[in-house]
Amino acid sequence: MAGSRDASRCIGYLTKYLTKHVADCHQAATDAQHAHAGRLAEALRYEPCSPTCANWLRYGVQPKNPHPGLRPGRCRGKAHRREHLGYAGGRVLVSRKWSGKTLADHRGDRKTWLLATLGLSATDPSHFMWEPVTPGDPDHMPPAQRLLHVVADRQRWHAALTEARARASGQPPIGFSATGRAA
């Protein structure tokens, strides 16, 4: 609702995602559209984009980490580029302010989704004891071998996810013949 406590946060969140790489999804086709984009880019040229932006000088505010040669309107920040229309990265709002979730929460959600998609159950971490592996342990592997194991695990996970998605959409699993046996 307009005027509510979270209205500007909601608008900022939506604007952030709606305007990311706007130039990729809409090309100006008429002279009026080109002129409008030009006026917008010119106006954004002088808006502060970050605490270090030289445009703060227009408002009598010293930017963070000032250095000689700062000139308003000459900031090289991403937000001043035409293709971003003033909104680049996390300038408007970071997602956790909107969703209330941390990166760990999002990671957990992705893991839960993945396990459900693959039809697997999550292992109970209380059943395991973690301790560092030292070179004298029988389970120790040299770094190159560990890397190969990590790559192989990633390939298995990707193949399992691709197969689960194919099953969920009713398509035959990729890499199998019409008889259902490996080719």
C-alpha atoms as a PDB file:
ATOM      1  CA  MET A   1       0.000   0.000   0.000  1.00  0.00           C
ATOM      2  CA  ALA A   2       1.259   3.450  -0.870  1.00  0.00           C
ATOM      3  CA  GLY A   3       2.588   5.273   2.147  1.00  0.00           C
ATOM      4  CA  SER A   4       2.999   2.103   4.206  1.00  0.00           C
ATOM      5  CA  ARG A   5       6.178   1.405   6.123  1.00  0.00           C
ATOM      6  CA  ASP A   6       7.522  -1.098   3.582  1.00  0.00           C
ATOM      7  CA  ALA A   7       6.240   0.534   0.381  1.00  0.00           C
ATOM      8  CA  SER A   8       9.581   2.009  -0.651  1.00  0.00           C
ATOM      9  CA  ARG A   9      11.392  -1.258   0.141  1.00  0.00           C
ATOM     10  CA  CYS A  10       8.935  -3.212  -2.002  1.00  0.00           C
ATOM     11  CA  ILE A  11       9.230  -0.753  -4.847  1.00  0.00           C
ATOM     12  CA  GLY A  12      13.015  -0.824  -4.581  1.00  0.00           C
ATOM     13  CA  TYR A  13      13.092  -4.618  -4.634  1.00  0.00           C
ATOM     14  CA  LEU A  14      10.888  -4.845  -7.702  1.00  0.00           C
ATOM     15  CA  THR A  15      12.694  -2.037  -9.476  1.00  0.00           C
ATOM     16  CA  LYS A  16      16.049  -3.687  -8.867  1.00  0.00           C
ATOM     17  CA  TYR A  17      15.052  -6.854 -10.685  1.00  0.00           C
ATOM     18  CA  LEU A  18      12.886  -5.246 -13.334  1.00  0.00           C
ATOM     19  CA  THR A  19      15.650  -2.919 -14.470  1.00  0.00           C
ATOM     20  CA  LYS A  20      18.672  -5.234 -14.402  1.00  0.00           C
ATOM     21  CA  HIS A  21      20.124  -5.114 -17.902  1.00  0.00           C
ATOM     22  CA  VAL A  22      17.090  -3.321 -19.306  1.00  0.00           C
ATOM     23  CA  ALA A  23      19.046  -2.667 -22.488  1.00  0.00           C
ATOM     24  CA  ASP A  24      19.091  -6.430 -23.147  1.00  0.00           C
ATOM     25  CA  CYS A  25      15.312  -6.798 -23.197  1.00  0.00           C
ATOM     26  CA  HIS A  26      14.200  -3.537 -24.808  1.00  0.00           C
ATOM     27  CA  GLN A  27      15.846  -1.651 -27.621  1.00  0.00           C
ATOM     28  CA  ALA A  28      14.728   1.883 -28.392  1.00  0.00           C
ATOM     29  CA  ALA A  29      12.975   1.798 -31.762  1.00  0.00           C
ATOM     30  CA  THR A  30      11.805   5.372 -32.278  1.00  0.00           C
ATOM     31  CA  ASP A  31      13.465   8.762 -32.051  1.00  0.00           C
ATOM     32  CA  ALA A  32      11.263   9.583 -29.057  1.00  0.00           C
ATOM     33  CA  GLN A  33      12.453   6.437 -27.224  1.00  0.00           C
ATOM     34  CA  HIS A  34      16.097   7.240 -28.007  1.00  0.00           C
ATOM     35  CA  ALA A  35      15.590  10.802 -26.748  1.00  0.00           C
ATOM     36  CA  HIS A  36      13.894   9.563 -23.556  1.00  0.00           C
ATOM     37  CA  ALA A  37      16.729   7.101 -22.852  1.00  0.00           C
ATOM     38  CA  GLY A  38      19.229   9.903 -23.451  1.00  0.00           C
ATOM     39  CA  ARG A  39      17.482  12.230 -20.993  1.00  0.00           C
ATOM     40  CA  LEU A  40      17.306   9.486 -18.370  1.00  0.00           C
ATOM     41  CA  ALA A  41      20.989   8.614 -18.796  1.00  0.00           C
ATOM     42  CA  GLU A  42      21.927  12.288 -18.511  1.00  0.00           C
ATOM     43  CA  ALA A  43      19.912  12.690 -15.300  1.00  0.00           C
ATOM     44  CA  LEU A  44      21.445   9.532 -13.824  1.00  0.00           C
ATOM     45  CA  ARG A  45      24.885  10.805 -14.668  1.00  0.00           C
ATOM     46  CA  TYR A  46      24.655  13.198 -11.710  1.00  0.00           C
ATOM     47  CA  GLU A  47      22.906  10.992  -9.123  1.00  0.00           C
ATOM     48  CA  PRO A  48      25.147   9.519  -6.392  1.00  0.00           C
ATOM     49  CA  CYS A  49      25.531   5.765  -6.840  1.00  0.00           C
ATOM     50  CA  SER A  50      27.612   4.800  -3.809  1.00  0.00           C
ATOM     51  CA  PRO A  51      29.338   6.343  -0.790  1.00  0.00           C
ATOM     52  CA  THR A  52      32.475   6.865  -2.922  1.00  0.00           C
ATOM     53  CA  CYS A  53      30.666   8.523  -5.870  1.00  0.00           C
ATOM     54  CA  ALA A  54      31.958  11.971  -6.858  1.00  0.00           C
ATOM     55  CA  ASN A  55      28.365  13.156  -7.399  1.00  0.00           C
ATOM     56  CA  TRP A  56      28.008  13.708  -3.642  1.00  0.00           C
ATOM     57  CA  LEU A  57      30.076  16.856  -4.178  1.00  0.00           C
ATOM     58  CA  ARG A  58      27.031  18.466  -5.880  1.00  0.00           C
ATOM     59  CA  TYR A  59      25.211  18.229  -2.547  1.00  0.00           C
ATOM     60  CA  GLY A  60      28.102  19.536  -0.442  1.00  0.00           C
ATOM     61  CA  VAL A  61      28.914  16.066   0.894  1.00  0.00           C
ATOM     62  CA  GLN A  62      32.449  14.708   0.836  1.00  0.00           C
ATOM     63  CA  PRO A  63      32.501  11.213  -0.714  1.00  0.00           C
ATOM     64  CA  LYS A  64      34.065   8.317   1.141  1.00  0.00           C
ATOM     65  CA  ASN A  65      37.788   7.893   0.354  1.00  0.00           C
ATOM     66  CA  PRO A  66      38.131  11.140  -1.639  1.00  0.00           C
ATOM     67  CA  HIS A  67      41.058  11.610  -3.978  1.00  0.00           C
ATOM     68  CA  PRO A  68      42.244  14.377  -6.296  1.00  0.00           C
ATOM     69  CA  GLY A  69      40.418  14.594  -9.589  1.00  0.00           C
ATOM     70  CA  LEU A  70      36.900  13.725  -8.376  1.00  0.00           C
ATOM     71  CA  ARG A  71      34.408  15.503 -10.638  1.00  0.00           C
ATOM     72  CA  PRO A  72      30.627  15.264 -10.403  1.00  0.00           C
ATOM     73  CA  GLY A  73      29.145  13.580 -13.468  1.00  0.00           C
ATOM     74  CA  ARG A  74      32.264  11.558 -14.198  1.00  0.00           C
ATOM     75  CA  CYS A  75      31.793   8.577 -11.901  1.00  0.00           C
ATOM     76  CA  ARG A  76      32.613   5.291 -13.600  1.00  0.00           C
ATOM     77  CA  GLY A  77      30.190   3.309 -11.453  1.00  0.00           C
ATOM     78  CA  LYS A  78      27.995   0.674 -13.084  1.00  0.00           C
ATOM     79  CA  ALA A  79      24.849   2.527 -12.059  1.00  0.00           C
ATOM     80  CA  HIS A  80      25.753   5.427 -14.352  1.00  0.00           C
ATOM     81  CA  ARG A  81      25.864   3.278 -17.484  1.00  0.00           C
ATOM     82  CA  ARG A  82      22.939   3.542 -19.900  1.00  0.00           C
ATOM     83  CA  GLU A  83      22.313  -0.195 -19.970  1.00  0.00           C
ATOM     84  CA  HIS A  84      21.536  -0.308 -16.244  1.00  0.00           C
ATOM     85  CA  LEU A  85      19.242   2.733 -16.005  1.00  0.00           C
ATOM     86  CA  GLY A  86      20.726   3.611 -12.647  1.00  0.00           C
ATOM     87  CA  TYR A  87      20.124   0.283 -10.968  1.00  0.00           C
ATOM     88  CA  ALA A  88      23.122  -1.987 -10.782  1.00  0.00           C
ATOM     89  CA  GLY A  89      23.692  -4.833  -8.361  1.00  0.00           C
ATOM     90  CA  GLY A  90      22.625  -4.228  -4.772  1.00  0.00           C
ATOM     91  CA  ARG A  91      22.281  -0.456  -5.023  1.00  0.00           C
ATOM     92  CA  VAL A  92      18.570  -0.344  -4.259  1.00  0.00           C
ATOM     93  CA  LEU A  93      18.016  -3.207  -1.854  1.00  0.00           C
ATOM     94  CA  VAL A  94      19.565  -6.505  -0.916  1.00  0.00           C
ATOM     95  CA  SER A  95      17.317  -9.547  -1.032  1.00  0.00           C
ATOM     96  CA  ARG A  96      17.652 -10.479   2.653  1.00  0.00           C
ATOM     97  CA  LYS A  97      15.899  -7.239   3.622  1.00  0.00           C
ATOM     98  CA  TRP A  98      12.961  -8.345   1.519  1.00  0.00           C
ATOM     99  CA  SER A  99      12.880 -12.061   2.279  1.00  0.00           C
ATOM    100  CA  GLY A 100      14.266 -11.996   5.802  1.00  0.00           C
ATOM    101  CA  LYS A 101      16.605 -14.860   4.872  1.00  0.00           C
ATOM    102  CA  THR A 102      20.354 -15.058   5.097  1.00  0.00           C
ATOM    103  CA  LEU A 103      22.559 -16.757   2.510  1.00  0.00           C
ATOM    104  CA  ALA A 104      22.636 -19.833   4.762  1.00  0.00           C
ATOM    105  CA  ASP A 105      18.805 -19.887   4.778  1.00  0.00           C
ATOM    106  CA  HIS A 106      18.697 -19.710   0.967  1.00  0.00           C
ATOM    107  CA  ARG A 107      21.345 -22.441   0.749  1.00  0.00           C
ATOM    108  CA  GLY A 108      19.258 -24.629   3.055  1.00  0.00           C
ATOM    109  CA  ASP A 109      16.145 -24.022   0.937  1.00  0.00           C
ATOM    110  CA  ARG A 110      18.035 -25.041  -2.211  1.00  0.00           C
ATOM    111  CA  LYS A 111      19.327 -28.187  -0.490  1.00  0.00           C
ATOM    112  CA  THR A 112      15.819 -29.135   0.668  1.00  0.00           C
ATOM    113  CA  TRP A 113      14.440 -28.570  -2.843  1.00  0.00           C
ATOM    114  CA  LEU A 114      17.257 -30.593  -4.404  1.00  0.00           C
ATOM    115  CA  LEU A 115      16.843 -33.523  -2.017  1.00  0.00           C
ATOM    116  CA  ALA A 116      13.071 -33.543  -2.616  1.00  0.00           C
ATOM    117  CA  THR A 117      13.580 -33.368  -6.402  1.00  0.00           C
ATOM    118  CA  LEU A 118      16.054 -36.245  -6.280  1.00  0.00           C
ATOM    119  CA  GLY A 119      13.838 -38.222  -3.904  1.00  0.00           C
ATOM    120  CA  LEU A 120      16.559 -38.421  -1.266  1.00  0.00           C
ATOM    121  CA  SER A 121      16.361 -37.972   2.482  1.00  0.00           C
ATOM    122  CA  ALA A 122      18.621 -35.580   4.285  1.00  0.00           C
ATOM    123  CA  THR A 123      21.253 -37.174   6.456  1.00  0.00           C
ATOM    124  CA  ASP A 124      21.175 -36.418  10.129  1.00  0.00           C
ATOM    125  CA  PRO A 125      24.376 -34.536  11.003  1.00  0.00           C
ATOM    126  CA  SER A 126      24.192 -35.812  14.589  1.00  0.00           C
ATOM    127  CA  HIS A 127      25.121 -39.290  13.290  1.00  0.00           C
ATOM    128  CA  PHE A 128      28.496 -38.083  12.058  1.00  0.00           C
ATOM    129  CA  MET A 129      31.622 -36.807  13.726  1.00  0.00           C
ATOM    130  CA  TRP A 130      33.770 -34.411  11.732  1.00  0.00           C
ATOM    131  CA  GLU A 131      37.491 -34.150  12.266  1.00  0.00           C
ATOM    132  CA  PRO A 132      40.367 -32.896  10.116  1.00  0.00           C
ATOM    133  CA  VAL A 133      42.180 -35.477   8.008  1.00  0.00           C
ATOM    134  CA  THR A 134      45.940 -35.447   8.431  1.00  0.00           C
ATOM    135  CA  PRO A 135      48.493 -36.829   5.957  1.00  0.00           C
ATOM    136  CA  GLY A 136      49.041 -39.882   8.208  1.00  0.00           C
ATOM    137  CA  ASP A 137      45.347 -40.954   8.106  1.00  0.00           C
ATOM    138  CA  PRO A 138      44.459 -43.911   5.859  1.00  0.00           C
ATOM    139  CA  ASP A 139      41.645 -41.815   4.274  1.00  0.00           C
ATOM    140  CA  HIS A 140      44.008 -38.998   3.288  1.00  0.00           C
ATOM    141  CA  MET A 141      44.123 -38.209  -0.440  1.00  0.00           C
ATOM    142  CA  PRO A 142      46.535 -35.879  -2.206  1.00  0.00           C
ATOM    143  CA  PRO A 143      44.939 -32.565  -3.344  1.00  0.00           C
ATOM    144  CA  ALA A 144      44.788 -33.601  -7.016  1.00  0.00           C
ATOM    145  CA  GLN A 145      42.928 -36.811  -6.160  1.00  0.00           C
ATOM    146  CA  ARG A 146      40.516 -34.924  -3.869  1.00  0.00           C
ATOM    147  CA  LEU A 147      39.809 -32.487  -6.688  1.00  0.00           C
ATOM    148  CA  LEU A 148      39.007 -35.362  -9.063  1.00  0.00           C
ATOM    149  CA  HIS A 149      36.613 -36.808  -6.470  1.00  0.00           C
ATOM    150  CA  VAL A 150      34.889 -33.433  -6.082  1.00  0.00           C
ATOM    151  CA  VAL A 151      34.494 -33.109  -9.867  1.00  0.00           C
ATOM    152  CA  ALA A 152      33.127 -36.680 -10.116  1.00  0.00           C
ATOM    153  CA  ASP A 153      30.649 -35.981  -7.284  1.00  0.00           C
ATOM    154  CA  ARG A 154      29.487 -32.815  -9.011  1.00  0.00           C
ATOM    155  CA  GLN A 155      28.966 -34.706 -12.287  1.00  0.00           C
ATOM    156  CA  ARG A 156      26.945 -37.410 -10.482  1.00  0.00           C
ATOM    157  CA  TRP A 157      24.787 -34.770  -8.772  1.00  0.00           C
ATOM    158  CA  HIS A 158      24.206 -32.952 -12.059  1.00  0.00           C
ATOM    159  CA  ALA A 159      23.270 -36.196 -13.839  1.00  0.00           C
ATOM    160  CA  ALA A 160      20.892 -37.159 -11.024  1.00  0.00           C
ATOM    161  CA  LEU A 161      19.249 -33.712 -11.077  1.00  0.00           C
ATOM    162  CA  THR A 162      18.869 -33.823 -14.872  1.00  0.00           C
ATOM    163  CA  GLU A 163      17.296 -37.285 -14.637  1.00  0.00           C
ATOM    164  CA  ALA A 164      14.934 -36.197 -11.840  1.00  0.00           C
ATOM    165  CA  ARG A 165      13.819 -33.157 -13.833  1.00  0.00           C
ATOM    166  CA  ALA A 166      13.226 -35.338 -16.900  1.00  0.00           C
ATOM    167  CA  ARG A 167      11.175 -37.811 -14.829  1.00  0.00           C
ATOM    168  CA  ALA A 168       9.158 -34.978 -13.277  1.00  0.00           C
ATOM    169  CA  SER A 169       8.307 -33.589 -16.714  1.00  0.00           C
ATOM    170  CA  GLY A 170       7.396 -37.024 -18.106  1.00  0.00           C
ATOM    171  CA  GLN A 171      10.329 -37.183 -20.525  1.00  0.00           C
ATOM    172  CA  PRO A 172      12.574 -40.241 -20.813  1.00  0.00           C
ATOM    173  CA  PRO A 173      15.820 -39.826 -18.878  1.00  0.00           C
ATOM    174  CA  ILE A 174      18.678 -38.462 -20.959  1.00  0.00           C
ATOM    175  CA  GLY A 175      21.299 -41.014 -21.990  1.00  0.00           C
ATOM    176  CA  PHE A 176      19.006 -44.031 -21.935  1.00  0.00           C
ATOM    177  CA  SER A 177      17.710 -46.011 -24.862  1.00  0.00           C
ATOM    178  CA  ALA A 178      14.053 -46.626 -25.667  1.00  0.00           C
ATOM    179  CA  THR A 179      14.274 -49.930 -23.744  1.00  0.00           C
ATOM    180  CA  GLY A 180      15.186 -48.072 -20.568  1.00  0.00           C
ATOM    181  CA  ARG A 181      18.649 -49.590 -20.379  1.00  0.00           C
ATOM    182  CA  ALA A 182      21.904 -47.718 -20.586  1.00  0.00           C
ATOM    183  CA  ALA A 183      23.159 -47.253 -24.121  1.00  0.00           C
END
